[in-house]
Amino acid sequence: MSTSTAADTNPSPLSHHPRALAVLSRLHALSLQQERAKGARGKHFPIGESSPGSTANSNVQIDFSDAGDFVEELVALDEDKARAMYMMLRAMGATRVVEAGTSFGVSLIYLLCAVADNAKKSVGEFENDSSASGHNNLHPPLVVGTELEPTKAAKALSHVREAFDGDIPELLNLLQGNLLETIPALSLPDKSIDALLLDIWAPLALPVLKIMLPKLRRGAVVFLDNSVSAAERYKDVLGFLKSVKEDNGSSRFKCISLPYDGGFEMCVYEGRE
């Protein structure tokens, strides 16, 4: 849960998306209201409780019986983190992003705005500029969202439609169902993804990262929310990100915990070309 942050005083980087900004302001306020009323449960179920999302190979069991009315909660990415993520995606020219854990679509709108803004530049500025750092010009712009619950997926699409003047951006592919099955079924090309946001139930973070690892281009960024406050629950994925090595012994990721409430891990992929 956020307290007073830079997001409270600095102008929004999405000021050129007034409809999206209005939707986001409303949803951030609602998310904070829910957190204050019930406590921030969200993707961080207490250790030992069931977490949704499994396949026959994942050893992660689906069970909503103890989640109460959780499916009605936004558990949105904090506003300051979302703004920072938007800025980082803009800086790196990201045009292909995957989000693990869409919920009601708050962070998804930020991702769509960032990719749409970068894709506009790709028509001219980036298209013939081989020095455009990190720009992915080999594959069409794409934002992949993932949501298990049909009601949440529908609400996410409704919020996206409202944010984009009644339209669903063509670059969006919102996968509804078990993301450990829907993401592989999408058959993303290897080395084609610029960024991955892990804002998902802790036991699912590492399985998703392993699925996505071949899809990340060199220089891709992995974001992990609440990497400090939920470090114990995320210990497996954090351990993987910070310890996995290439054959020559070099680290596959360079990670830093950004100083936001609860922590916001940013890891740059340094895999093989």
Protein backbone atom coordinates (compact mmCIF):
# COMPACT_ATOMS: atom_id res chain seq x y z
CA MET A 1 0.00 0.00 0.00
CA SER A 2 1.35 3.39 -0.90
CA THR A 3 1.74 6.29 1.45
CA SER A 4 2.74 9.79 0.34
CA THR A 5 4.99 9.45 -2.70
CA ALA A 6 6.33 11.42 -5.62
CA ALA A 7 3.21 10.31 -7.50
CA ASP A 8 1.22 12.64 -5.24
CA THR A 9 3.07 15.78 -6.33
CA ASN A 10 4.65 15.24 -9.75
CA PRO A 11 2.58 15.72 -12.90
CA SER A 12 1.57 12.41 -14.41
CA PRO A 13 3.65 11.20 -17.37
CA LEU A 14 0.32 10.13 -18.86
CA SER A 15 -1.07 13.68 -19.06
CA HIS A 16 -1.22 13.30 -22.86
CA HIS A 17 -3.65 10.38 -22.31
CA PRO A 18 -6.41 12.28 -20.46
CA ARG A 19 -9.04 9.54 -20.73
CA ALA A 20 -6.63 6.89 -19.49
CA LEU A 21 -5.43 9.17 -16.70
CA ALA A 22 -8.98 9.77 -15.49
CA VAL A 23 -9.70 6.03 -15.40
CA LEU A 24 -6.43 5.30 -13.62
CA SER A 25 -6.96 8.01 -11.01
CA ARG A 26 -10.35 6.53 -10.16
CA LEU A 27 -9.07 2.96 -9.98
CA HIS A 28 -6.00 3.85 -7.91
CA ALA A 29 -8.25 5.61 -5.41
CA LEU A 30 -10.56 2.59 -5.23
CA SER A 31 -7.64 0.20 -4.79
CA LEU A 32 -6.26 2.25 -1.90
CA GLN A 33 -9.70 2.38 -0.31
CA GLN A 34 -9.96 -1.42 -0.48
CA GLU A 35 -6.48 -1.91 0.94
CA ARG A 36 -7.15 0.41 3.86
CA ALA A 37 -10.42 -1.34 4.60
CA LYS A 38 -9.22 -4.93 4.41
CA GLY A 39 -5.44 -4.89 4.35
CA ALA A 40 -3.32 -5.58 1.29
CA ARG A 41 -3.83 -9.31 0.72
CA GLY A 42 -3.82 -9.56 -3.02
CA LYS A 43 -1.23 -11.80 -4.61
CA HIS A 44 0.52 -12.27 -1.27
CA PHE A 45 -1.63 -14.89 0.43
CA PRO A 46 -0.09 -15.89 3.80
CA ILE A 47 2.37 -18.74 3.46
CA GLY A 48 0.52 -22.03 3.47
CA GLU A 49 -2.68 -20.71 1.92
CA SER A 50 -3.72 -21.83 -1.51
CA SER A 51 -2.93 -19.67 -4.50
CA PRO A 52 -4.65 -19.82 -7.87
CA GLY A 53 -3.08 -21.13 -11.05
CA SER A 54 -1.82 -24.62 -11.76
CA THR A 55 -1.11 -27.11 -14.47
CA ALA A 56 -0.33 -30.78 -14.29
CA ASN A 57 3.36 -29.92 -14.35
CA SER A 58 3.45 -26.92 -12.01
CA ASN A 59 2.71 -28.38 -8.55
CA VAL A 60 0.78 -25.16 -7.84
CA GLN A 61 -2.77 -25.88 -6.76
CA ILE A 62 -5.84 -23.81 -7.66
CA ASP A 63 -8.17 -23.21 -4.74
CA PHE A 64 -10.23 -20.07 -4.19
CA SER A 65 -12.10 -21.46 -1.20
CA ASP A 66 -10.13 -19.38 1.30
CA ALA A 67 -9.92 -16.23 -0.80
CA GLY A 68 -13.26 -14.80 0.37
CA ASP A 69 -14.26 -11.83 -1.73
CA PHE A 70 -10.73 -11.38 -3.08
CA VAL A 71 -11.97 -11.65 -6.66
CA GLU A 72 -13.67 -8.26 -6.15
CA GLU A 73 -10.45 -6.53 -5.07
CA LEU A 74 -8.25 -4.56 -7.47
CA VAL A 75 -4.87 -5.18 -5.76
CA ALA A 76 -3.48 -2.71 -8.28
CA LEU A 77 0.17 -1.84 -8.77
CA ASP A 78 0.89 1.28 -6.71
CA GLU A 79 0.64 4.51 -8.68
CA ASP A 80 4.24 5.59 -8.16
CA LYS A 81 5.53 2.19 -9.29
CA ALA A 82 3.25 2.19 -12.32
CA ARG A 83 4.40 5.66 -13.35
CA ALA A 84 8.05 4.66 -12.96
CA MET A 85 7.47 1.52 -14.99
CA TYR A 86 5.83 3.57 -17.75
CA MET A 87 8.83 5.90 -17.85
CA MET A 88 11.32 3.03 -17.98
CA LEU A 89 9.42 1.34 -20.80
CA ARG A 90 9.37 4.63 -22.71
CA ALA A 91 13.11 5.12 -22.15
CA MET A 92 13.95 1.65 -23.47
CA GLY A 93 11.58 1.93 -26.44
CA ALA A 94 9.67 -1.20 -25.38
CA THR A 95 7.03 -2.34 -27.87
CA ARG A 96 6.40 -5.91 -26.70
CA VAL A 97 5.46 -6.49 -23.07
CA VAL A 98 3.89 -9.36 -21.11
CA GLU A 99 2.03 -8.88 -17.83
CA ALA A 100 1.57 -11.83 -15.50
CA GLY A 101 -1.45 -10.89 -13.40
CA THR A 102 -3.82 -8.35 -14.94
CA SER A 103 -6.63 -8.22 -12.36
CA PHE A 104 -8.82 -5.17 -13.18
CA GLY A 105 -6.42 -3.77 -15.75
CA VAL A 106 -4.75 -0.87 -13.93
CA SER A 107 -1.13 -1.69 -14.77
CA LEU A 108 -2.30 -3.00 -18.14
CA ILE A 109 -3.41 0.51 -19.10
CA TYR A 110 0.05 1.87 -18.26
CA LEU A 111 1.65 -0.83 -20.39
CA LEU A 112 -0.68 -0.09 -23.30
CA CYS A 113 0.06 3.63 -23.10
CA ALA A 114 3.82 3.03 -23.03
CA VAL A 115 3.82 0.60 -25.94
CA ALA A 116 1.40 2.71 -27.97
CA ASP A 117 3.57 5.79 -27.44
CA ASN A 118 6.72 3.89 -28.43
CA ALA A 119 5.03 2.28 -31.42
CA LYS A 120 4.06 5.72 -32.78
CA LYS A 121 7.73 6.68 -32.80
CA SER A 122 8.68 3.42 -34.49
CA VAL A 123 6.96 4.54 -37.70
CA GLY A 124 9.51 7.27 -38.19
CA GLU A 125 12.15 8.00 -35.61
CA PHE A 126 13.05 4.42 -34.70
CA GLU A 127 12.33 2.66 -37.97
CA ASN A 128 15.55 3.62 -39.72
CA ASP A 129 17.61 4.31 -36.63
CA SER A 130 19.78 1.34 -35.73
CA SER A 131 21.05 3.22 -32.68
CA ALA A 132 17.58 3.36 -31.05
CA SER A 133 18.47 1.59 -27.84
CA GLY A 134 16.51 -1.57 -27.21
CA HIS A 135 13.82 -0.88 -29.78
CA ASN A 136 12.19 -4.07 -31.02
CA ASN A 137 11.57 -3.56 -34.74
CA LEU A 138 11.50 -7.24 -35.73
CA HIS A 139 8.02 -7.98 -34.36
CA PRO A 140 4.73 -6.06 -34.25
CA PRO A 141 3.81 -4.12 -31.09
CA LEU A 142 2.14 -6.32 -28.49
CA VAL A 143 0.89 -6.14 -24.92
CA VAL A 144 -0.13 -9.47 -23.39
CA GLY A 145 -2.30 -9.48 -20.30
CA THR A 146 -3.21 -12.58 -18.27
CA GLU A 147 -6.17 -13.14 -15.97
CA LEU A 148 -7.59 -16.34 -14.50
CA GLU A 149 -10.98 -15.00 -13.41
CA PRO A 150 -13.48 -14.33 -16.26
CA THR A 151 -15.18 -11.54 -14.31
CA LYS A 152 -11.88 -9.75 -13.75
CA ALA A 153 -10.85 -10.19 -17.37
CA ALA A 154 -14.14 -8.65 -18.46
CA LYS A 155 -13.72 -5.71 -16.09
CA ALA A 156 -10.14 -5.19 -17.26
CA LEU A 157 -11.34 -4.98 -20.86
CA SER A 158 -14.07 -2.57 -19.82
CA HIS A 159 -11.52 -0.30 -18.14
CA VAL A 160 -9.21 -0.48 -21.16
CA ARG A 161 -12.09 0.40 -23.47
CA GLU A 162 -12.98 3.38 -21.28
CA ALA A 163 -9.34 4.51 -21.16
CA PHE A 164 -8.96 4.39 -24.94
CA ASP A 165 -12.06 6.28 -26.06
CA GLY A 166 -14.29 3.25 -26.37
CA ASP A 167 -11.84 1.10 -28.32
CA ILE A 168 -9.68 -1.89 -27.43
CA PRO A 169 -6.15 -1.25 -28.81
CA GLU A 170 -5.26 -3.73 -31.53
CA LEU A 171 -1.94 -4.42 -29.87
CA LEU A 172 -3.65 -5.93 -26.79
CA ASN A 173 -4.00 -9.69 -26.33
CA LEU A 174 -5.71 -10.40 -23.00
CA LEU A 175 -5.41 -14.10 -22.19
CA GLN A 176 -8.19 -15.42 -19.97
CA GLY A 177 -7.49 -18.64 -18.09
CA ASN A 178 -4.55 -20.38 -16.47
CA LEU A 179 -1.50 -18.36 -17.52
CA LEU A 180 0.77 -21.42 -17.20
CA GLU A 181 -1.22 -22.78 -20.12
CA THR A 182 -2.31 -19.66 -22.02
CA ILE A 183 1.16 -18.08 -22.30
CA PRO A 184 2.82 -21.18 -23.82
CA ALA A 185 -0.14 -21.59 -26.18
CA LEU A 186 0.51 -18.09 -27.52
CA SER A 187 3.80 -19.35 -29.04
CA LEU A 188 5.69 -16.09 -28.68
CA PRO A 189 8.88 -16.02 -30.77
CA ASP A 190 12.11 -16.46 -28.84
CA LYS A 191 13.99 -13.27 -27.96
CA SER A 192 10.97 -11.14 -28.90
CA ILE A 193 9.83 -9.65 -25.57
CA ASP A 194 11.12 -6.34 -24.19
CA ALA A 195 9.67 -6.50 -20.68
CA LEU A 196 7.84 -8.79 -18.27
CA LEU A 197 5.79 -7.59 -15.28
CA LEU A 198 5.37 -10.19 -12.54
CA ASP A 199 2.47 -8.93 -10.43
CA ILE A 200 1.09 -12.35 -9.67
CA TRP A 201 0.55 -14.82 -6.82
CA ALA A 202 3.96 -15.62 -5.42
CA PRO A 203 4.04 -19.39 -6.20
CA LEU A 204 3.38 -18.61 -9.86
CA ALA A 205 6.15 -16.05 -10.35
CA LEU A 206 9.01 -18.49 -10.92
CA PRO A 207 7.07 -20.87 -13.22
CA VAL A 208 6.01 -17.89 -15.35
CA LEU A 209 9.56 -16.52 -15.47
CA LYS A 210 10.91 -19.88 -16.61
CA ILE A 211 8.27 -20.05 -19.36
CA MET A 212 9.15 -16.53 -20.46
CA LEU A 213 12.94 -16.79 -20.21
CA PRO A 214 13.54 -17.92 -23.82
CA LYS A 215 11.17 -15.19 -25.01
CA LEU A 216 13.16 -12.33 -23.47
CA ARG A 217 15.54 -10.44 -25.70
CA ARG A 218 18.91 -9.41 -24.35
CA GLY A 219 18.39 -6.18 -22.39
CA ALA A 220 14.77 -7.04 -21.54
CA VAL A 221 13.53 -5.94 -18.12
CA VAL A 222 11.69 -8.04 -15.55
CA PHE A 223 9.67 -6.15 -12.94
CA LEU A 224 8.57 -7.83 -9.69
CA ASP A 225 6.25 -6.04 -7.29
CA ASN A 226 6.65 -6.06 -3.49
CA SER A 227 10.04 -7.73 -3.71
CA VAL A 228 10.99 -6.45 -0.23
CA SER A 229 7.78 -6.71 1.79
CA ALA A 230 6.99 -10.13 0.29
CA ALA A 231 10.60 -11.30 -0.06
CA GLU A 232 9.94 -14.51 1.86
CA ARG A 233 7.04 -15.45 -0.40
CA TYR A 234 9.02 -14.52 -3.50
CA LYS A 235 12.26 -16.12 -2.33
CA ASP A 236 12.26 -18.74 -5.10
CA VAL A 237 11.91 -16.30 -7.98
CA LEU A 238 14.24 -13.77 -6.36
CA GLY A 239 16.82 -16.48 -5.81
CA PHE A 240 16.53 -17.51 -9.45
CA LEU A 241 16.84 -13.95 -10.73
CA LYS A 242 19.89 -13.23 -8.60
CA SER A 243 21.76 -16.52 -8.88
CA VAL A 244 21.14 -18.09 -12.28
CA LYS A 245 24.33 -18.15 -14.36
CA GLU A 246 25.33 -18.57 -17.96
CA ASP A 247 27.80 -21.30 -18.97
CA ASN A 248 30.69 -18.85 -18.56
CA GLY A 249 29.67 -18.09 -14.97
CA SER A 250 28.30 -14.61 -15.62
CA SER A 251 24.97 -13.60 -14.12
CA ARG A 252 21.96 -13.85 -16.39
CA PHE A 253 20.20 -10.93 -14.67
CA LYS A 254 21.35 -7.68 -13.07
CA CYS A 255 18.86 -6.74 -10.36
CA ILE A 256 18.13 -3.74 -8.19
CA SER A 257 15.38 -3.17 -5.61
CA LEU A 258 13.89 0.20 -6.43
CA PRO A 259 13.05 2.21 -3.28
CA TYR A 260 9.26 2.13 -3.44
CA ASP A 261 6.88 1.04 -0.70
CA GLY A 262 7.19 -2.73 -0.42
CA GLY A 263 10.00 -2.77 -2.98
CA PHE A 264 9.87 -2.97 -6.76
CA GLU A 265 12.50 -5.26 -8.28
CA MET A 266 13.97 -4.33 -11.65
CA CYS A 267 16.10 -6.99 -13.33
CA VAL A 268 17.84 -6.57 -16.69
CA TYR A 269 18.30 -9.74 -18.71
CA GLU A 270 21.88 -10.29 -19.90
CA GLY A 271 21.35 -13.59 -21.66
CA ARG A 272 23.07 -14.67 -24.81
CA GLU A 273 22.61 -12.82 -28.08
